[in-house]
């Protein structure tokens, strides 16, 4: 066995003092033993095995249902390297403080050693992690979300490098809960939580916070982005990477079911959450999905909104904090069926009273990507796929049009840096608040946001053939609060326009914010929507955008002196274009 691997396991065992140590091989036999163990101790509850074969329900502690951004720290050697958007803790203080909590925390428990690989076997970007945990639920979830076990150990033998992570649920005490990242050491510590975003260290902790630092240092990109494949009637295929904050339609877009498939427009899935991207020998940006599963939000998911997600989670999947019927059928708000009677809610209370939601608003499914009917044949291609377009989007009720194109890479980087969205239940304590979330990386960038933007600009300068950058907004409303755009599968119509712009065959008009579709350049055949509504969706109000400028300026000032001058220049240029437009059309 690898010497550094052995040292890491021995170090963690000496600190946590488990009764037993188990090296996980990722086999089906091992998984079944763990499931039986969790069924016995009520960590899991079996769903109806006829309708949901291999599926189980997990109920987390009511105080442990989401990411805890206020308890998530970047422990860089220098405080300023973490930047103003991250919580910082001195690495020595962090190890002393949280190391004391880890001391003896696994007495009476089994310490599971999880070797896992992020990315397809053989990919130049794939990397190995080794997580230590005392949670069998984390083991079962990691087996779904990554390539866990022998395949990771084989990769480790070849390249000898891994990202170490130590996790314990502790006593699930929110006052003794910490998610720590040590970027210089490429190390992760997580204590006191069993929730996926805090406990599955391969996901946000490794694949984004630590990987973003690695990507900066090594010249690639680790982004909070879906990856999708769009095929047109001419047999051309293009690939998009897209960044959306939680609950802004990210998974729905990644698994979109095209209403225009009969015309030859088809979407396939590469990944729904994270993209690792590098510059290929051809000068294009290539992307892999480092994950092997989906960790999706359940409420609102139905056969109308995302049938592929439902099908993905119909077998060999874990549900967390949903409601359940007496015959083992899961239910949540937004389900296709009315509530089953009687119903046990996510806290285990039966019958559900109806006073609170039956499923937690941030309840989740963890499902194997191979279950998804829309997965592209190339989703595990070691080389990845070439990215022709990058999409930014958020939840905005006004100002931002349905879709528009940036002027160039630098302007597109500015759009990503300035994007804002209404927050959701994925982060505790901040629901329904409009906040800036640059590139959808605010909670996930492992270093100073200004340096992150500089890395984007540098990547653009190194790309002979950069992707075209777009911005979308599916959530624009009229004066009565009604959504103007039908969304869901109809979002392919915006993708078709973007494809046309990439191929330089779709029309657009230049506005102060970028290139917006002309009224007749969108593919709207078969869609029952009035021309005046389309005009409203595509309208760019100089007054409304002018109102945005002080907020963007204030946000950039918060980031501080490390904001690249190019982005300040873009803000100045936007102001000048808006003022010129207002003078031309008073």
Protein backbone atom coordinates (compact mmCIF):
# COMPACT_ATOMS: atom_id res chain seq x y z
CA UNK A 1 0.00 0.00 0.00
CA UNK A 2 1.12 3.58 -0.68
CA UNK A 3 3.31 4.92 2.17
CA UNK A 4 1.65 8.36 2.41
CA UNK A 5 -1.74 6.67 2.35
CA UNK A 6 -0.77 4.44 5.27
CA UNK A 7 0.63 7.39 7.21
CA UNK A 8 -2.61 9.33 6.72
CA UNK A 9 -4.74 6.44 7.97
CA UNK A 10 -2.47 5.87 10.97
CA UNK A 11 -2.44 9.57 11.83
CA UNK A 12 -6.26 9.77 11.76
CA UNK A 13 -6.62 6.56 13.77
CA UNK A 14 -4.24 7.83 16.44
CA UNK A 15 -6.22 11.06 16.71
CA UNK A 16 -9.79 9.69 16.62
CA UNK A 17 -9.15 6.30 18.34
CA UNK A 18 -11.77 4.15 16.59
CA UNK A 19 -12.66 0.64 17.77
CA UNK A 20 -12.35 -0.70 14.23
CA UNK A 21 -10.84 0.39 10.90
CA UNK A 22 -12.39 -0.66 7.59
CA UNK A 23 -10.79 0.02 4.18
CA UNK A 24 -13.65 0.33 1.72
CA UNK A 25 -13.36 -1.48 -1.61
CA UNK A 26 -16.54 -0.06 -3.14
CA UNK A 27 -17.99 -3.50 -3.89
CA UNK A 28 -21.69 -4.33 -4.00
CA UNK A 29 -21.19 -6.88 -1.23
CA UNK A 30 -19.69 -4.24 1.05
CA UNK A 31 -22.47 -1.80 0.20
CA UNK A 32 -25.17 -4.33 1.07
CA UNK A 33 -23.53 -5.09 4.43
CA UNK A 34 -23.51 -1.38 5.28
CA UNK A 35 -27.11 -0.95 4.21
CA UNK A 36 -28.21 -3.86 6.40
CA UNK A 37 -26.29 -2.34 9.28
CA UNK A 38 -27.97 1.06 8.77
CA UNK A 39 -31.41 -0.53 8.47
CA UNK A 40 -30.82 -2.29 11.79
CA UNK A 41 -29.78 0.89 13.61
CA UNK A 42 -32.47 3.05 11.92
CA UNK A 43 -29.96 5.19 10.05
CA UNK A 44 -31.83 4.12 6.92
CA UNK A 45 -35.41 3.12 6.19
CA UNK A 46 -36.29 0.94 3.22
CA UNK A 47 -38.47 2.46 0.53
CA UNK A 48 -40.93 0.33 -1.41
CA UNK A 49 -38.54 -2.10 -3.10
CA UNK A 50 -40.99 -2.95 -5.88
CA UNK A 51 -41.28 0.66 -7.02
CA UNK A 52 -37.89 1.89 -5.75
CA UNK A 53 -35.49 -1.07 -5.86
CA UNK A 54 -32.32 -0.46 -3.87
CA UNK A 55 -33.60 2.88 -2.56
CA UNK A 56 -33.59 4.05 1.06
CA UNK A 57 -34.58 7.03 3.18
CA UNK A 58 -32.22 8.78 5.58
CA UNK A 59 -33.40 11.34 8.13
CA UNK A 60 -30.77 13.79 9.26
CA UNK A 61 -30.88 15.65 12.56
CA UNK A 62 -33.20 18.69 12.28
CA UNK A 63 -30.25 20.98 13.02
CA UNK A 64 -28.19 19.42 10.20
CA UNK A 65 -30.08 19.93 6.96
CA UNK A 66 -27.97 22.26 4.79
CA UNK A 67 -24.52 23.65 4.12
CA UNK A 68 -23.27 25.84 6.95
CA UNK A 69 -21.47 28.68 5.22
CA UNK A 70 -20.95 30.59 8.48
CA UNK A 71 -19.06 27.57 9.86
CA UNK A 72 -17.05 26.90 6.70
CA UNK A 73 -13.49 28.24 6.80
CA UNK A 74 -10.54 28.68 4.46
CA UNK A 75 -7.46 28.15 6.64
CA UNK A 76 -4.83 29.76 4.41
CA UNK A 77 -1.51 30.86 5.86
CA UNK A 78 -2.32 34.50 5.08
CA UNK A 79 -5.73 35.89 5.92
CA UNK A 80 -5.86 38.06 2.82
CA UNK A 81 -5.43 35.01 0.57
CA UNK A 82 -8.85 33.76 1.71
CA UNK A 83 -10.41 37.05 0.70
CA UNK A 84 -13.41 38.93 2.07
CA UNK A 85 -16.02 36.44 0.78
CA UNK A 86 -14.65 33.53 2.81
CA UNK A 87 -14.48 32.94 6.54
CA UNK A 88 -10.84 32.62 7.58
CA UNK A 89 -9.20 30.82 10.46
CA UNK A 90 -5.49 30.62 11.19
CA UNK A 91 -4.43 27.06 10.26
CA UNK A 92 -2.61 26.52 13.58
CA UNK A 93 -5.59 27.77 15.56
CA UNK A 94 -7.93 25.63 13.46
CA UNK A 95 -5.93 22.46 14.02
CA UNK A 96 -5.68 23.09 17.73
CA UNK A 97 -9.35 23.96 18.14
CA UNK A 98 -10.91 21.30 15.93
CA UNK A 99 -8.18 18.76 16.56
CA UNK A 100 -9.35 18.74 20.17
CA UNK A 101 -12.85 17.84 18.97
CA UNK A 102 -11.49 15.03 16.80
CA UNK A 103 -9.53 13.64 19.75
CA UNK A 104 -11.11 10.26 20.60
CA UNK A 105 -14.30 11.09 18.70
CA UNK A 106 -14.50 7.64 17.07
CA UNK A 107 -14.29 5.56 20.24
CA UNK A 108 -16.96 2.87 19.99
CA UNK A 109 -17.25 3.49 16.24
CA UNK A 110 -15.80 2.17 13.01
CA UNK A 111 -13.38 4.36 11.09
CA UNK A 112 -14.08 3.96 7.37
CA UNK A 113 -11.27 4.68 4.92
CA UNK A 114 -12.67 5.80 1.57
CA UNK A 115 -10.28 6.00 -1.39
CA UNK A 116 -12.21 7.70 -4.20
CA UNK A 117 -11.48 9.20 -7.59
CA UNK A 118 -12.91 12.41 -9.00
CA UNK A 119 -13.15 12.15 -12.78
CA UNK A 120 -13.20 9.30 -15.30
CA UNK A 121 -10.41 6.69 -15.23
CA UNK A 122 -7.55 7.73 -17.49
CA UNK A 123 -8.44 11.43 -17.64
CA UNK A 124 -5.56 13.91 -17.36
CA UNK A 125 -7.64 15.85 -14.83
CA UNK A 126 -8.85 12.95 -12.63
CA UNK A 127 -7.62 13.09 -9.05
CA UNK A 128 -7.75 10.85 -5.99
CA UNK A 129 -9.09 11.71 -2.55
CA UNK A 130 -8.97 9.69 0.65
CA UNK A 131 -11.72 10.46 3.16
CA UNK A 132 -11.74 9.16 6.70
CA UNK A 133 -15.24 9.05 8.23
CA UNK A 134 -17.27 7.40 10.98
CA UNK A 135 -20.54 7.65 9.02
CA UNK A 136 -21.72 4.63 7.01
CA UNK A 137 -24.26 6.94 5.36
CA UNK A 138 -21.32 8.98 4.03
CA UNK A 139 -19.73 5.76 2.76
CA UNK A 140 -22.89 4.77 0.88
CA UNK A 141 -23.31 8.28 -0.53
CA UNK A 142 -19.66 8.58 -1.57
CA UNK A 143 -19.95 5.25 -3.40
CA UNK A 144 -22.72 6.80 -5.50
CA UNK A 145 -21.10 10.19 -6.03
CA UNK A 146 -17.54 9.10 -6.88
CA UNK A 147 -15.51 6.19 -8.24
CA UNK A 148 -14.75 4.66 -4.86
CA UNK A 149 -12.53 1.75 -3.86
CA UNK A 150 -10.18 -0.28 -6.03
CA UNK A 151 -10.29 2.03 -9.06
CA UNK A 152 -9.06 4.91 -6.87
CA UNK A 153 -6.32 2.82 -5.27
CA UNK A 154 -5.11 1.79 -8.72
CA UNK A 155 -4.96 5.45 -9.75
CA UNK A 156 -3.13 6.27 -6.52
CA UNK A 157 -0.49 3.67 -7.27
CA UNK A 158 0.12 5.34 -10.63
CA UNK A 159 0.36 9.02 -9.62
CA UNK A 160 1.00 8.79 -5.83
CA UNK A 161 -0.91 12.02 -5.02
CA UNK A 162 -4.17 12.27 -3.08
CA UNK A 163 -6.26 14.86 -1.26
CA UNK A 164 -6.73 13.82 2.39
CA UNK A 165 -9.99 14.51 4.21
CA UNK A 166 -11.00 13.76 7.81
CA UNK A 167 -14.66 13.71 8.81
CA UNK A 168 -16.66 12.81 11.88
CA UNK A 169 -20.31 13.41 12.68
CA UNK A 170 -19.25 14.02 16.29
CA UNK A 171 -22.38 14.56 18.35
CA UNK A 172 -24.12 16.57 15.58
CA UNK A 173 -23.85 19.59 17.85
CA UNK A 174 -24.25 22.80 15.79
CA UNK A 175 -22.04 24.61 18.32
CA UNK A 176 -19.24 22.10 17.63
CA UNK A 177 -19.47 22.06 13.82
CA UNK A 178 -16.65 23.13 11.52
CA UNK A 179 -15.85 22.65 7.82
CA UNK A 180 -12.16 23.48 7.36
CA UNK A 181 -10.03 23.73 4.21
CA UNK A 182 -6.24 24.06 4.29
CA UNK A 183 -5.38 25.15 0.72
CA UNK A 184 -1.60 25.07 1.02
CA UNK A 185 -1.71 21.52 2.42
CA UNK A 186 -4.57 20.42 0.15
CA UNK A 187 -6.28 19.14 3.32
CA UNK A 188 -9.93 19.00 4.44
CA UNK A 189 -11.36 18.60 7.96
CA UNK A 190 -15.09 18.37 8.66
CA UNK A 191 -16.59 17.87 12.11
CA UNK A 192 -20.11 17.75 13.52
CA UNK A 193 -22.28 17.41 10.41
CA UNK A 194 -23.65 14.52 8.39
CA UNK A 195 -25.28 16.67 5.66
CA UNK A 196 -23.98 15.94 2.17
CA UNK A 197 -22.51 19.33 1.34
CA UNK A 198 -20.59 19.31 4.64
CA UNK A 199 -19.78 15.60 4.92
CA UNK A 200 -19.23 14.28 1.39
CA UNK A 201 -15.78 15.80 1.17
CA UNK A 202 -15.29 14.93 -2.49
CA UNK A 203 -18.08 17.27 -3.51
CA UNK A 204 -17.91 20.97 -2.63
CA UNK A 205 -14.88 20.70 -0.32
CA UNK A 206 -12.52 18.92 -2.73
CA UNK A 207 -14.07 19.37 -6.18
CA UNK A 208 -14.48 23.13 -5.75
CA UNK A 209 -12.77 24.76 -2.73
CA UNK A 210 -9.51 22.80 -2.84
CA UNK A 211 -9.65 22.11 -6.58
CA UNK A 212 -10.11 25.82 -7.36
CA UNK A 213 -6.76 26.49 -5.66
CA UNK A 214 -5.13 23.59 -7.50
CA UNK A 215 -6.61 24.85 -10.78
CA UNK A 216 -5.23 28.35 -10.22
CA UNK A 217 -1.78 26.98 -9.45
CA UNK A 218 -1.77 24.45 -12.30
CA UNK A 219 -3.50 26.45 -15.04
CA UNK A 220 -6.98 24.89 -15.32
CA UNK A 221 -10.47 25.68 -13.98
CA UNK A 222 -12.65 24.09 -11.29
CA UNK A 223 -16.16 25.51 -11.67
CA UNK A 224 -19.63 25.12 -10.15
CA UNK A 225 -21.10 24.30 -13.56
CA UNK A 226 -23.29 21.77 -15.30
CA UNK A 227 -22.13 20.39 -18.65
CA UNK A 228 -24.62 19.59 -21.41
CA UNK A 229 -24.55 18.41 -24.99
CA UNK A 230 -26.83 19.97 -27.62
CA UNK A 231 -27.41 18.25 -30.94
CA UNK A 232 -29.09 20.10 -33.80
CA UNK A 233 -30.99 18.80 -36.85
CA UNK A 234 -27.85 19.03 -38.98
CA UNK A 235 -26.02 16.52 -36.80
CA UNK A 236 -23.80 19.18 -35.23
CA UNK A 237 -23.07 18.79 -31.51
CA UNK A 238 -21.92 21.54 -29.18
CA UNK A 239 -21.21 21.51 -25.46
CA UNK A 240 -22.13 24.14 -22.88
CA UNK A 241 -20.96 24.66 -19.31
CA UNK A 242 -23.38 26.67 -17.15
CA UNK A 243 -23.23 28.23 -13.69
CA UNK A 244 -26.42 28.73 -11.66
CA UNK A 245 -26.88 29.22 -7.92
CA UNK A 246 -28.89 26.54 -6.13
CA UNK A 247 -32.55 26.12 -7.19
CA UNK A 248 -32.17 28.25 -10.32
CA UNK A 249 -32.85 25.42 -12.76
CA UNK A 250 -29.35 23.98 -12.98
CA UNK A 251 -30.21 20.28 -12.73
CA UNK A 252 -33.32 20.81 -14.88
CA UNK A 253 -31.21 22.33 -17.66
CA UNK A 254 -28.55 19.62 -17.41
CA UNK A 255 -31.25 16.93 -17.85
CA UNK A 256 -33.55 18.90 -20.14
CA UNK A 257 -36.13 16.90 -22.10
CA UNK A 258 -36.43 18.65 -25.44
CA UNK A 259 -39.93 19.41 -26.71
CA UNK A 260 -38.27 19.85 -30.11
CA UNK A 261 -36.62 16.44 -30.29
CA UNK A 262 -38.89 15.57 -33.22
CA UNK A 263 -37.14 18.39 -35.11
CA UNK A 264 -33.70 17.02 -34.26
CA UNK A 265 -32.86 19.23 -31.27
CA UNK A 266 -31.74 17.00 -28.42
CA UNK A 267 -30.03 17.62 -25.08
CA UNK A 268 -27.85 15.05 -23.32
CA UNK A 269 -26.23 15.28 -19.91
CA UNK A 270 -22.50 15.30 -19.14
CA UNK A 271 -22.80 16.57 -15.56
CA UNK A 272 -25.22 18.52 -13.38
CA UNK A 273 -23.04 20.38 -10.87
CA UNK A 274 -19.27 20.58 -11.32
CA UNK A 275 -16.95 21.05 -14.29
CA UNK A 276 -13.17 20.71 -14.34
CA UNK A 277 -11.84 22.38 -17.49
CA UNK A 278 -8.44 22.58 -19.18
CA UNK A 279 -6.98 24.00 -22.38
CA UNK A 280 -6.61 21.28 -25.00
CA UNK A 281 -3.94 20.99 -27.65
CA UNK A 282 -6.45 22.40 -30.15
CA UNK A 283 -6.71 25.66 -28.20
CA UNK A 284 -10.23 24.95 -26.99
CA UNK A 285 -11.52 24.60 -23.43
CA UNK A 286 -12.24 20.95 -22.56
CA UNK A 287 -14.33 19.81 -19.60
CA UNK A 288 -14.89 16.67 -17.54
CA UNK A 289 -17.54 15.96 -14.92
CA UNK A 290 -15.53 14.83 -11.88
CA UNK A 291 -18.57 13.23 -10.23
CA UNK A 292 -20.30 9.88 -10.79
CA UNK A 293 -23.67 10.76 -9.29
CA UNK A 294 -26.26 13.45 -8.62
CA UNK A 295 -26.96 15.14 -5.30
CA UNK A 296 -30.13 16.96 -6.24
CA UNK A 297 -32.81 19.01 -4.51
CA UNK A 298 -36.06 17.00 -4.36
CA UNK A 299 -38.89 19.53 -3.72
CA UNK A 300 -40.33 20.78 -7.00
CA UNK A 301 -39.00 17.77 -8.93
CA UNK A 302 -41.72 16.06 -10.96
CA UNK A 303 -42.33 14.42 -14.31
CA UNK A 304 -43.15 17.90 -15.60
CA UNK A 305 -40.11 19.73 -14.24
CA UNK A 306 -37.40 17.05 -14.48
CA UNK A 307 -38.45 13.52 -15.49
CA UNK A 308 -34.85 12.41 -15.99
CA UNK A 309 -33.99 13.26 -12.40
CA UNK A 310 -36.95 11.23 -11.13
CA UNK A 311 -36.00 8.27 -13.29
CA UNK A 312 -32.38 8.53 -12.10
CA UNK A 313 -33.51 8.26 -8.47
CA UNK A 314 -35.89 5.31 -8.99
CA UNK A 315 -33.23 2.70 -8.19
CA UNK A 316 -30.10 2.28 -6.05
CA UNK A 317 -30.50 5.79 -4.66
CA UNK A 318 -30.65 7.49 -1.28
CA UNK A 319 -33.32 10.01 -0.31
CA UNK A 320 -32.68 12.41 2.56
CA UNK A 321 -35.38 14.23 4.56
CA UNK A 322 -38.37 13.49 2.33
CA UNK A 323 -41.74 12.26 3.62
CA UNK A 324 -42.80 8.62 3.27
CA UNK A 325 -46.09 6.74 3.03
CA UNK A 326 -46.93 3.64 5.05
CA UNK A 327 -46.11 1.45 2.06
CA UNK A 328 -42.71 3.07 1.55
CA UNK A 329 -43.37 5.61 -1.20
CA UNK A 330 -41.42 8.89 -0.91
CA UNK A 331 -43.27 12.20 -1.21
CA UNK A 332 -42.36 15.86 -1.28
CA UNK A 333 -43.87 19.20 -2.15
CA UNK A 334 -44.10 19.48 -5.93
CA UNK A 335 -44.57 15.71 -6.38
CA UNK A 336 -46.79 14.60 -9.26
CA UNK A 337 -49.16 12.83 -6.85
CA UNK A 338 -51.19 14.46 -4.08
CA UNK A 339 -49.97 13.69 -0.53
CA UNK A 340 -50.30 10.03 0.41
CA UNK A 341 -52.44 9.33 3.47
CA UNK A 342 -51.26 8.77 6.08
CA UNK A 343 -47.86 10.38 5.57
CA UNK A 344 -44.82 10.43 7.85
CA UNK A 345 -42.99 13.73 7.53
CA UNK A 346 -39.24 14.28 7.26
CA UNK A 347 -38.88 14.46 11.04
CA UNK A 348 -40.55 11.06 11.46
CA UNK A 349 -43.89 12.42 12.70
CA UNK A 350 -46.99 10.45 11.67
CA UNK A 351 -49.47 11.44 10.50
CA UNK A 352 -48.21 14.58 8.82
CA UNK A 353 -50.17 17.51 10.23
CA UNK A 354 -49.80 19.82 7.24
CA UNK A 355 -48.65 22.69 9.46
CA UNK A 356 -45.08 22.39 8.17
CA UNK A 357 -43.76 21.02 4.90
CA UNK A 358 -43.83 17.23 4.69
CA UNK A 359 -40.36 17.14 3.13
CA UNK A 360 -37.63 19.53 4.16
CA UNK A 361 -37.25 22.32 1.55
CA UNK A 362 -33.62 21.21 1.06
CA UNK A 363 -34.36 17.47 0.99
CA UNK A 364 -32.15 15.56 -1.42
CA UNK A 365 -31.69 12.54 -3.63
CA UNK A 366 -28.33 10.89 -4.23
CA UNK A 367 -28.49 8.88 -7.45
CA UNK A 368 -25.98 7.20 -9.79
CA UNK A 369 -25.41 9.20 -12.97
CA UNK A 370 -25.54 5.99 -15.01
CA UNK A 371 -29.25 5.74 -14.11
CA UNK A 372 -30.06 8.93 -16.01
CA UNK A 373 -31.70 8.32 -19.43
CA UNK A 374 -30.21 11.52 -20.85
CA UNK A 375 -26.56 10.77 -20.10
CA UNK A 376 -24.36 11.36 -23.12
CA UNK A 377 -22.20 8.49 -24.39
CA UNK A 378 -19.30 10.90 -23.79
CA UNK A 379 -20.00 11.63 -20.12
CA UNK A 380 -17.08 9.44 -19.03
CA UNK A 381 -14.78 10.30 -21.93
CA UNK A 382 -11.29 10.68 -20.36
CA UNK A 383 -10.50 13.59 -22.67
CA UNK A 384 -13.73 15.34 -21.76
CA UNK A 385 -15.79 17.42 -24.17
CA UNK A 386 -14.95 20.73 -25.94
CA UNK A 387 -16.88 23.68 -24.49
CA UNK A 388 -18.27 26.10 -27.09
CA UNK A 389 -20.41 28.19 -24.75
CA UNK A 390 -20.45 29.21 -21.10
CA UNK A 391 -23.74 30.28 -19.52
CA UNK A 392 -24.30 32.34 -16.39
CA UNK A 393 -27.75 32.63 -14.86
CA UNK A 394 -29.65 33.58 -11.74
CA UNK A 395 -33.09 34.15 -10.29
CA UNK A 396 -34.09 37.72 -11.19
CA UNK A 397 -37.66 39.02 -11.37
CA UNK A 398 -36.75 42.03 -13.53
CA UNK A 399 -33.88 43.85 -15.31
CA UNK A 400 -32.04 40.79 -16.74
CA UNK A 401 -33.43 39.59 -20.12
CA UNK A 402 -34.17 35.99 -21.04
CA UNK A 403 -30.83 35.52 -22.80
CA UNK A 404 -28.00 37.67 -24.09
CA UNK A 405 -24.43 37.27 -25.31
CA UNK A 406 -21.35 39.01 -23.98
CA UNK A 407 -19.17 41.13 -26.23
CA UNK A 408 -16.07 39.01 -25.55
CA UNK A 409 -14.38 36.86 -22.88
CA UNK A 410 -13.40 39.83 -20.70
CA UNK A 411 -16.91 41.26 -20.80
CA UNK A 412 -18.31 37.78 -20.10
CA UNK A 413 -16.03 37.48 -17.08
CA UNK A 414 -17.44 40.80 -15.86
CA UNK A 415 -21.00 39.48 -16.28
CA UNK A 416 -20.12 36.40 -14.25
CA UNK A 417 -18.40 38.48 -11.59
CA UNK A 418 -21.37 40.84 -11.25
CA UNK A 419 -24.19 38.26 -11.34
CA UNK A 420 -26.70 38.22 -8.49
CA UNK A 421 -29.54 35.88 -7.57
CA UNK A 422 -32.17 35.24 -4.92
CA UNK A 423 -30.89 32.72 -2.36
CA UNK A 424 -32.42 29.34 -1.54
CA UNK A 425 -32.60 26.69 1.18
CA UNK A 426 -29.27 25.08 0.25
CA UNK A 427 -27.52 27.49 2.60
CA UNK A 428 -28.86 27.92 6.11
CA UNK A 429 -30.25 31.27 7.23
CA UNK A 430 -30.34 33.11 3.90
CA UNK A 431 -33.57 32.42 1.98
CA UNK A 432 -35.10 34.84 -0.54
CA UNK A 433 -32.33 37.45 -0.30
CA UNK A 434 -30.81 39.00 -3.41
CA UNK A 435 -27.06 38.53 -3.15
CA UNK A 436 -24.10 38.60 -5.46
CA UNK A 437 -22.87 35.14 -6.37
CA UNK A 438 -20.06 35.55 -8.90
CA UNK A 439 -19.89 32.59 -11.29
CA UNK A 440 -22.06 30.79 -8.68
CA UNK A 441 -18.79 30.31 -6.76
CA UNK A 442 -19.29 32.63 -3.77
CA UNK A 443 -19.57 29.76 -1.24
CA UNK A 444 -17.11 27.51 -3.08
CA UNK A 445 -14.04 29.47 -4.17
CA UNK A 446 -11.10 28.39 -2.02
CA UNK A 447 -9.16 31.65 -2.32
CA UNK A 448 -9.52 35.40 -2.85
CA UNK A 449 -12.35 36.19 -5.26
CA UNK A 450 -10.33 38.96 -6.92
CA UNK A 451 -7.55 36.49 -7.71
CA UNK A 452 -10.17 34.04 -8.98
CA UNK A 453 -11.44 36.65 -11.44
CA UNK A 454 -7.85 37.34 -12.50
CA UNK A 455 -7.43 33.63 -13.18
CA UNK A 456 -10.50 33.73 -15.43
CA UNK A 457 -9.01 36.63 -17.39
CA UNK A 458 -5.67 34.86 -17.70
CA UNK A 459 -7.36 31.67 -18.93
CA UNK A 460 -9.13 33.75 -21.58
CA UNK A 461 -5.83 35.22 -22.76
CA UNK A 462 -4.39 31.70 -23.04
CA UNK A 463 -7.34 30.39 -25.07
CA UNK A 464 -6.91 30.79 -28.85
CA UNK A 465 -10.52 29.65 -29.29
CA UNK A 466 -12.44 30.69 -26.15
CA UNK A 467 -16.07 29.72 -25.59
CA UNK A 468 -18.74 32.36 -26.15
CA UNK A 469 -20.16 33.59 -22.83
CA UNK A 470 -23.92 34.06 -22.37
CA UNK A 471 -26.26 35.10 -19.56
CA UNK A 472 -29.82 33.80 -19.03
CA UNK A 473 -32.74 34.49 -16.71
CA UNK A 474 -35.70 32.08 -16.70
CA UNK A 475 -37.44 33.87 -13.82
CA UNK A 476 -38.49 37.30 -15.12
CA UNK A 477 -41.99 38.30 -13.94
CA UNK A 478 -44.69 40.71 -15.00
CA UNK A 479 -46.19 43.40 -12.76
CA UNK A 480 -48.57 40.85 -11.22
CA UNK A 481 -45.80 38.44 -10.25
CA UNK A 482 -46.47 35.94 -13.07
CA UNK A 483 -43.52 34.27 -14.75
CA UNK A 484 -43.18 35.44 -18.35
CA UNK A 485 -41.25 32.42 -19.62
CA UNK A 486 -42.53 28.81 -19.32
CA UNK A 487 -39.06 27.47 -18.51
CA UNK A 488 -38.16 23.80 -18.06
CA UNK A 489 -37.94 22.04 -21.45
CA UNK A 490 -38.73 25.24 -23.34
CA UNK A 491 -35.35 26.58 -22.24
CA UNK A 492 -33.93 24.69 -25.22
CA UNK A 493 -35.13 27.63 -27.34
CA UNK A 494 -32.56 29.86 -25.68
CA UNK A 495 -29.92 27.15 -26.19
CA UNK A 496 -30.78 27.00 -29.89
CA UNK A 497 -30.25 30.76 -30.20
CA UNK A 498 -26.91 30.42 -28.40
CA UNK A 499 -25.91 27.63 -30.79
CA UNK A 500 -26.84 29.91 -33.67
CA UNK A 501 -24.68 32.68 -32.25
CA UNK A 502 -21.74 30.31 -31.81
CA UNK A 503 -22.14 29.28 -35.47
CA UNK A 504 -22.74 32.95 -36.41
CA UNK A 505 -26.08 32.28 -38.06
CA UNK A 506 -28.53 33.70 -35.47
CA UNK A 507 -29.46 37.38 -35.45
CA UNK A 508 -28.96 39.69 -32.48
CA UNK A 509 -29.15 43.36 -31.71
CA UNK A 510 -26.44 45.19 -29.83
CA UNK A 511 -27.51 46.74 -26.52
CA UNK A 512 -25.53 48.38 -23.72
CA UNK A 513 -25.34 45.03 -21.86
CA UNK A 514 -24.53 42.74 -24.81
CA UNK A 515 -26.14 41.07 -27.81
CA UNK A 516 -29.84 40.30 -27.31
CA UNK A 517 -31.93 38.14 -29.68
CA UNK A 518 -34.04 39.92 -32.22
CA UNK A 519 -37.74 39.24 -31.89
CA UNK A 520 -37.72 36.73 -34.76
CA UNK A 521 -34.37 35.04 -34.09
CA UNK A 522 -35.70 32.80 -31.31
CA UNK A 523 -37.17 29.44 -32.29
CA UNK A 524 -40.72 29.94 -30.98
CA UNK A 525 -42.76 27.69 -33.29
CA UNK A 526 -45.22 25.61 -31.30
CA UNK A 527 -44.90 27.79 -28.20
CA UNK A 528 -48.04 29.60 -27.08
CA UNK A 529 -46.55 32.94 -26.12
CA UNK A 530 -47.50 36.37 -27.36
CA UNK A 531 -45.03 38.62 -29.23
CA UNK A 532 -45.48 41.36 -26.64
CA UNK A 533 -44.42 38.93 -23.90
CA UNK A 534 -41.30 38.02 -25.87
CA UNK A 535 -40.56 41.72 -26.25
CA UNK A 536 -40.89 42.11 -22.49
CA UNK A 537 -38.60 39.12 -21.89
CA UNK A 538 -35.93 40.58 -24.16
CA UNK A 539 -36.32 44.20 -23.08
CA UNK A 540 -33.24 45.98 -21.79
CA UNK A 541 -34.08 48.97 -19.62
CA UNK A 542 -31.16 51.43 -19.35
CA UNK A 543 -32.80 52.90 -16.24
CA UNK A 544 -33.00 49.55 -14.47
CA UNK A 545 -29.46 48.64 -15.43
CA UNK A 546 -28.24 52.03 -14.31
CA UNK A 547 -29.76 51.26 -10.91
CA UNK A 548 -27.59 48.12 -10.80
CA UNK A 549 -24.31 50.01 -11.14
CA UNK A 550 -23.91 51.27 -7.53
CA UNK A 551 -24.58 47.77 -6.23
CA UNK A 552 -21.95 46.24 -8.54
CA UNK A 553 -19.50 48.98 -7.60
CA UNK A 554 -20.11 48.40 -3.90
CA UNK A 555 -19.59 44.66 -4.35
CA UNK A 556 -16.31 45.18 -6.21
CA UNK A 557 -15.14 47.54 -3.45
CA UNK A 558 -15.96 44.83 -0.91
CA UNK A 559 -13.67 42.46 -2.80
CA UNK A 560 -10.97 45.11 -2.53
CA UNK A 561 -7.71 45.96 -4.22
CA UNK A 562 -7.34 42.57 -5.88
CA UNK A 563 -10.24 43.19 -8.27
CA UNK A 564 -8.57 43.21 -11.71
CA UNK A 565 -8.48 46.59 -13.40
CA UNK A 566 -10.08 45.00 -16.46
CA UNK A 567 -13.30 44.46 -14.51
CA UNK A 568 -13.36 48.03 -13.23
CA UNK A 569 -12.89 49.11 -16.87
CA UNK A 570 -15.86 46.95 -17.86
CA UNK A 571 -18.00 48.61 -15.21
CA UNK A 572 -16.97 52.03 -16.50
CA UNK A 573 -17.70 50.97 -20.09
CA UNK A 574 -21.15 49.70 -19.09
CA UNK A 575 -21.95 53.01 -17.42
CA UNK A 576 -20.82 54.91 -20.53
CA UNK A 577 -22.85 52.72 -22.87
CA UNK A 578 -25.97 53.14 -20.72
CA UNK A 579 -25.56 56.91 -20.58
CA UNK A 580 -24.98 57.06 -24.34
CA UNK A 581 -28.09 54.97 -24.94
CA UNK A 582 -30.16 57.23 -22.69
CA UNK A 583 -28.90 60.32 -24.50
CA UNK A 584 -29.76 58.79 -27.87
CA UNK A 585 -33.22 57.64 -26.77
CA UNK A 586 -34.34 60.03 -24.01
